[in-house]
Amino acid sequence: MTNALLEREPLFLTRNSLPVTSRSQLIALLNKRLADCLDLQLQAKVAHWNVKGPSFIGLHQLFDTIHGSLVEYADLIAERAVQLGGTAQGTARLVAMRSGLDEYPTDLAVERHHVEAMSGALATFGAAARRAIDEAAHLGDAGTADLFTEISRGIDKSLWLVEAHLQSELA
């Protein structure tokens, strides 16, 4: 499947009042962020499985909580793409091709390294969610912009909880 085919899929009929061209662009945007979200979801699980150190239980539980939030965000994003007449494209191969996140290091054990890796991934996804708010608003879809606003707030909270493990002094 070529990248052109991945970006231009046929739309299903819907009575949604957004113009077809906007819906098509929104669906592509949603599927890009879906790939990021599913990638981040797996990264949180890898951190959850592999973290070690004095703060193990707290971080183990935190990474699992973040994973659970990401499951919900991925569902919201995927369902919005379908609501607009598209197809949610969240297969493992498509996620691997489309994700804009860096690969999560699989050789980490020390908790600080997991905290740094997770905070970087969360920050990257948070920035992409904020860009998606603006893109959706530009395309005239307040609903999708609101969805990404909700996700952005949740990611910011997760980032705060993870970064708190790195912050012991004022900047």
C-alpha atoms as a PDB file:
ATOM      1  CA  MET A   1       0.000   0.000   0.000  1.00  0.00           C
ATOM      2  CA  THR A   2       1.499   3.329  -1.008  1.00  0.00           C
ATOM      3  CA  ASN A   3       1.536   6.421   1.182  1.00  0.00           C
ATOM      4  CA  ALA A   4      -0.812   8.157  -1.284  1.00  0.00           C
ATOM      5  CA  LEU A   5      -3.380   5.397  -0.808  1.00  0.00           C
ATOM      6  CA  LEU A   6      -3.013   5.613   2.947  1.00  0.00           C
ATOM      7  CA  GLU A   7      -3.723   9.342   2.924  1.00  0.00           C
ATOM      8  CA  ARG A   8      -6.664   9.325   0.456  1.00  0.00           C
ATOM      9  CA  GLU A   9      -9.285   6.809   1.375  1.00  0.00           C
ATOM     10  CA  PRO A  10     -12.898   6.783   0.219  1.00  0.00           C
ATOM     11  CA  LEU A  11     -15.388   8.281   2.631  1.00  0.00           C
ATOM     12  CA  PHE A  12     -18.550   6.608   3.796  1.00  0.00           C
ATOM     13  CA  LEU A  13     -21.822   8.478   3.327  1.00  0.00           C
ATOM     14  CA  THR A  14     -22.879  10.518   6.329  1.00  0.00           C
ATOM     15  CA  ARG A  15     -25.182  13.418   7.018  1.00  0.00           C
ATOM     16  CA  ASN A  16     -22.411  15.149   8.935  1.00  0.00           C
ATOM     17  CA  SER A  17     -22.522  18.792   7.860  1.00  0.00           C
ATOM     18  CA  LEU A  18     -18.765  19.269   7.493  1.00  0.00           C
ATOM     19  CA  PRO A  19     -17.646  19.584   3.865  1.00  0.00           C
ATOM     20  CA  VAL A  20     -16.221  16.413   2.292  1.00  0.00           C
ATOM     21  CA  THR A  21     -12.819  18.041   1.729  1.00  0.00           C
ATOM     22  CA  SER A  22     -12.599  19.056   5.386  1.00  0.00           C
ATOM     23  CA  ARG A  23     -13.719  15.633   6.580  1.00  0.00           C
ATOM     24  CA  SER A  24     -11.106  13.960   4.393  1.00  0.00           C
ATOM     25  CA  GLN A  25      -8.326  16.134   5.834  1.00  0.00           C
ATOM     26  CA  LEU A  26      -9.622  15.660   9.374  1.00  0.00           C
ATOM     27  CA  ILE A  27      -9.675  11.884   8.987  1.00  0.00           C
ATOM     28  CA  ALA A  28      -6.062  11.924   7.780  1.00  0.00           C
ATOM     29  CA  LEU A  29      -5.141  14.104  10.788  1.00  0.00           C
ATOM     30  CA  LEU A  30      -6.990  11.812  13.174  1.00  0.00           C
ATOM     31  CA  ASN A  31      -5.288   8.713  11.769  1.00  0.00           C
ATOM     32  CA  LYS A  32      -1.848  10.319  12.146  1.00  0.00           C
ATOM     33  CA  ARG A  33      -2.545  11.148  15.785  1.00  0.00           C
ATOM     34  CA  LEU A  34      -4.048   7.674  16.267  1.00  0.00           C
ATOM     35  CA  ALA A  35      -0.730   6.167  15.182  1.00  0.00           C
ATOM     36  CA  ASP A  36       1.126   8.366  17.674  1.00  0.00           C
ATOM     37  CA  CYS A  37      -1.323   7.543  20.450  1.00  0.00           C
ATOM     38  CA  LEU A  38      -1.155   3.783  19.893  1.00  0.00           C
ATOM     39  CA  ASP A  39       2.648   3.949  19.754  1.00  0.00           C
ATOM     40  CA  LEU A  40       2.742   5.935  23.003  1.00  0.00           C
ATOM     41  CA  GLN A  41       0.322   3.471  24.583  1.00  0.00           C
ATOM     42  CA  LEU A  42       2.749   0.634  23.886  1.00  0.00           C
ATOM     43  CA  GLN A  43       5.693   2.707  25.075  1.00  0.00           C
ATOM     44  CA  ALA A  44       3.944   3.286  28.407  1.00  0.00           C
ATOM     45  CA  LYS A  45       3.413  -0.461  28.737  1.00  0.00           C
ATOM     46  CA  VAL A  46       7.088  -1.172  27.960  1.00  0.00           C
ATOM     47  CA  ALA A  47       8.089   1.310  30.683  1.00  0.00           C
ATOM     48  CA  HIS A  48       5.556  -0.296  33.057  1.00  0.00           C
ATOM     49  CA  TRP A  49       6.995  -3.773  32.454  1.00  0.00           C
ATOM     50  CA  ASN A  50      10.664  -2.862  32.649  1.00  0.00           C
ATOM     51  CA  VAL A  51      11.129  -0.102  35.231  1.00  0.00           C
ATOM     52  CA  LYS A  52      13.323  -0.931  38.227  1.00  0.00           C
ATOM     53  CA  GLY A  53      14.597   0.994  41.246  1.00  0.00           C
ATOM     54  CA  PRO A  54      13.574   2.403  44.619  1.00  0.00           C
ATOM     55  CA  SER A  55      10.450   4.063  43.140  1.00  0.00           C
ATOM     56  CA  PHE A  56       9.468   0.910  41.243  1.00  0.00           C
ATOM     57  CA  ILE A  57       5.934   0.466  42.523  1.00  0.00           C
ATOM     58  CA  GLY A  58       4.978   4.134  42.084  1.00  0.00           C
ATOM     59  CA  LEU A  59       6.360   4.322  38.565  1.00  0.00           C
ATOM     60  CA  HIS A  60       5.035   0.871  37.651  1.00  0.00           C
ATOM     61  CA  GLN A  61       1.537   2.009  38.643  1.00  0.00           C
ATOM     62  CA  LEU A  62       1.929   5.462  37.057  1.00  0.00           C
ATOM     63  CA  PHE A  63       3.000   4.030  33.699  1.00  0.00           C
ATOM     64  CA  ASP A  64       0.052   1.622  33.811  1.00  0.00           C
ATOM     65  CA  THR A  65      -2.348   4.485  34.579  1.00  0.00           C
ATOM     66  CA  ILE A  66      -0.931   6.461  31.658  1.00  0.00           C
ATOM     67  CA  HIS A  67      -1.347   3.400  29.436  1.00  0.00           C
ATOM     68  CA  GLY A  68      -5.020   3.207  30.463  1.00  0.00           C
ATOM     69  CA  SER A  69      -5.570   6.873  29.603  1.00  0.00           C
ATOM     70  CA  LEU A  70      -3.975   6.342  26.215  1.00  0.00           C
ATOM     71  CA  VAL A  71      -6.304   3.417  25.509  1.00  0.00           C
ATOM     72  CA  GLU A  72      -9.217   5.818  26.047  1.00  0.00           C
ATOM     73  CA  TYR A  73      -7.641   8.558  23.900  1.00  0.00           C
ATOM     74  CA  ALA A  74      -6.973   6.133  21.050  1.00  0.00           C
ATOM     75  CA  ASP A  75     -10.613   5.036  21.157  1.00  0.00           C
ATOM     76  CA  LEU A  76     -11.813   8.662  21.039  1.00  0.00           C
ATOM     77  CA  ILE A  77      -9.551   9.460  18.090  1.00  0.00           C
ATOM     78  CA  ALA A  78     -10.455   6.303  16.148  1.00  0.00           C
ATOM     79  CA  GLU A  79     -14.173   6.720  16.702  1.00  0.00           C
ATOM     80  CA  ARG A  80     -14.036  10.375  15.599  1.00  0.00           C
ATOM     81  CA  ALA A  81     -12.424   9.330  12.300  1.00  0.00           C
ATOM     82  CA  VAL A  82     -15.272   6.870  11.742  1.00  0.00           C
ATOM     83  CA  GLN A  83     -17.908   9.442  12.754  1.00  0.00           C
ATOM     84  CA  LEU A  84     -16.606  11.685   9.977  1.00  0.00           C
ATOM     85  CA  GLY A  85     -17.051   8.921   7.393  1.00  0.00           C
ATOM     86  CA  GLY A  86     -13.536   7.494   7.474  1.00  0.00           C
ATOM     87  CA  THR A  87     -11.861   4.342   8.645  1.00  0.00           C
ATOM     88  CA  ALA A  88      -9.806   4.106  11.811  1.00  0.00           C
ATOM     89  CA  GLN A  89      -6.416   2.914  10.639  1.00  0.00           C
ATOM     90  CA  GLY A  90      -4.777   1.539  13.760  1.00  0.00           C
ATOM     91  CA  THR A  91      -3.079  -1.667  12.687  1.00  0.00           C
ATOM     92  CA  ALA A  92       0.387  -2.391  14.031  1.00  0.00           C
ATOM     93  CA  ARG A  93       1.975  -1.946  10.601  1.00  0.00           C
ATOM     94  CA  LEU A  94       0.267   1.377   9.953  1.00  0.00           C
ATOM     95  CA  VAL A  95       1.203   2.614  13.416  1.00  0.00           C
ATOM     96  CA  ALA A  96       4.836   1.654  12.803  1.00  0.00           C
ATOM     97  CA  MET A  97       4.825   3.497   9.467  1.00  0.00           C
ATOM     98  CA  ARG A  98       2.995   6.621  10.629  1.00  0.00           C
ATOM     99  CA  SER A  99       4.032   7.332  14.198  1.00  0.00           C
ATOM    100  CA  GLY A 100       5.986  10.524  14.658  1.00  0.00           C
ATOM    101  CA  LEU A 101       7.374   9.391  18.015  1.00  0.00           C
ATOM    102  CA  ASP A 102      10.927   8.222  18.536  1.00  0.00           C
ATOM    103  CA  GLU A 103      11.367   4.511  19.130  1.00  0.00           C
ATOM    104  CA  TYR A 104      11.239   3.670  22.828  1.00  0.00           C
ATOM    105  CA  PRO A 105      14.578   2.271  24.028  1.00  0.00           C
ATOM    106  CA  THR A 106      14.192  -1.362  25.026  1.00  0.00           C
ATOM    107  CA  ASP A 107      17.476  -1.556  26.923  1.00  0.00           C
ATOM    108  CA  LEU A 108      16.390   0.653  29.850  1.00  0.00           C
ATOM    109  CA  ALA A 109      16.040  -0.577  33.395  1.00  0.00           C
ATOM    110  CA  VAL A 110      16.961   2.362  35.632  1.00  0.00           C
ATOM    111  CA  GLU A 111      13.863   4.281  36.642  1.00  0.00           C
ATOM    112  CA  ARG A 112      15.321   7.722  35.803  1.00  0.00           C
ATOM    113  CA  HIS A 113      15.973   6.603  32.232  1.00  0.00           C
ATOM    114  CA  HIS A 114      12.372   5.414  31.879  1.00  0.00           C
ATOM    115  CA  VAL A 115      11.125   8.691  33.335  1.00  0.00           C
ATOM    116  CA  GLU A 116      13.221  10.659  30.844  1.00  0.00           C
ATOM    117  CA  ALA A 117      12.096   8.508  27.905  1.00  0.00           C
ATOM    118  CA  MET A 118       8.421   8.667  28.894  1.00  0.00           C
ATOM    119  CA  SER A 119       8.520  12.401  29.509  1.00  0.00           C
ATOM    120  CA  GLY A 120      10.048  12.930  26.061  1.00  0.00           C
ATOM    121  CA  ALA A 121       7.416  10.770  24.369  1.00  0.00           C
ATOM    122  CA  LEU A 122       4.579  12.434  26.280  1.00  0.00           C
ATOM    123  CA  ALA A 123       5.899  15.902  25.402  1.00  0.00           C
ATOM    124  CA  THR A 124       6.139  14.989  21.712  1.00  0.00           C
ATOM    125  CA  PHE A 125       2.600  13.616  21.647  1.00  0.00           C
ATOM    126  CA  GLY A 126       1.308  16.607  23.628  1.00  0.00           C
ATOM    127  CA  ALA A 127       2.806  19.010  21.092  1.00  0.00           C
ATOM    128  CA  ALA A 128       1.230  17.052  18.231  1.00  0.00           C
ATOM    129  CA  ALA A 129      -2.154  17.134  20.014  1.00  0.00           C
ATOM    130  CA  ARG A 130      -1.910  20.915  20.388  1.00  0.00           C
ATOM    131  CA  ARG A 131      -1.091  21.278  16.677  1.00  0.00           C
ATOM    132  CA  ALA A 132      -4.102  19.063  15.923  1.00  0.00           C
ATOM    133  CA  ILE A 133      -6.342  21.463  17.890  1.00  0.00           C
ATOM    134  CA  ASP A 134      -5.301  24.302  15.580  1.00  0.00           C
ATOM    135  CA  GLU A 135      -5.554  22.167  12.425  1.00  0.00           C
ATOM    136  CA  ALA A 136      -9.054  20.944  13.305  1.00  0.00           C
ATOM    137  CA  ALA A 137     -10.193  24.487  14.126  1.00  0.00           C
ATOM    138  CA  HIS A 138      -8.759  25.714  10.816  1.00  0.00           C
ATOM    139  CA  LEU A 139     -10.794  23.015   9.047  1.00  0.00           C
ATOM    140  CA  GLY A 140     -13.949  24.231  10.830  1.00  0.00           C
ATOM    141  CA  ASP A 141     -14.403  21.256  13.146  1.00  0.00           C
ATOM    142  CA  ALA A 142     -14.851  22.427  16.724  1.00  0.00           C
ATOM    143  CA  GLY A 143     -15.729  18.867  17.775  1.00  0.00           C
ATOM    144  CA  THR A 144     -12.377  17.426  16.711  1.00  0.00           C
ATOM    145  CA  ALA A 145     -10.574  20.476  18.112  1.00  0.00           C
ATOM    146  CA  ASP A 146     -12.357  19.881  21.429  1.00  0.00           C
ATOM    147  CA  LEU A 147     -11.402  16.196  21.374  1.00  0.00           C
ATOM    148  CA  PHE A 148      -7.736  17.119  20.974  1.00  0.00           C
ATOM    149  CA  THR A 149      -8.090  19.785  23.677  1.00  0.00           C
ATOM    150  CA  GLU A 150      -9.304  17.089  26.085  1.00  0.00           C
ATOM    151  CA  ILE A 151      -6.428  14.807  25.087  1.00  0.00           C
ATOM    152  CA  SER A 152      -3.905  17.643  25.386  1.00  0.00           C
ATOM    153  CA  ARG A 153      -5.016  18.393  28.945  1.00  0.00           C
ATOM    154  CA  GLY A 154      -4.744  14.725  29.888  1.00  0.00           C
ATOM    155  CA  ILE A 155      -1.302  14.361  28.338  1.00  0.00           C
ATOM    156  CA  ASP A 156      -0.132  17.520  30.111  1.00  0.00           C
ATOM    157  CA  LYS A 157      -1.270  16.010  33.408  1.00  0.00           C
ATOM    158  CA  SER A 158       0.533  12.729  32.660  1.00  0.00           C
ATOM    159  CA  LEU A 159       3.664  14.656  31.706  1.00  0.00           C
ATOM    160  CA  TRP A 160       3.481  16.580  34.983  1.00  0.00           C
ATOM    161  CA  LEU A 161       3.178  13.356  36.988  1.00  0.00           C
ATOM    162  CA  VAL A 162       6.132  11.769  35.194  1.00  0.00           C
ATOM    163  CA  GLU A 163       8.363  14.855  35.250  1.00  0.00           C
ATOM    164  CA  ALA A 164       7.766  15.282  38.975  1.00  0.00           C
ATOM    165  CA  HIS A 165      10.163  12.343  39.385  1.00  0.00           C
ATOM    166  CA  LEU A 166      12.905  14.474  37.785  1.00  0.00           C
ATOM    167  CA  GLN A 167      12.194  17.808  39.458  1.00  0.00           C
ATOM    168  CA  SER A 168      13.734  18.348  42.827  1.00  0.00           C
ATOM    169  CA  GLU A 169      14.915  21.919  42.391  1.00  0.00           C
ATOM    170  CA  LEU A 170      13.551  25.077  40.837  1.00  0.00           C
ATOM    171  CA  ALA A 171      14.766  25.971  37.368  1.00  0.00           C
END
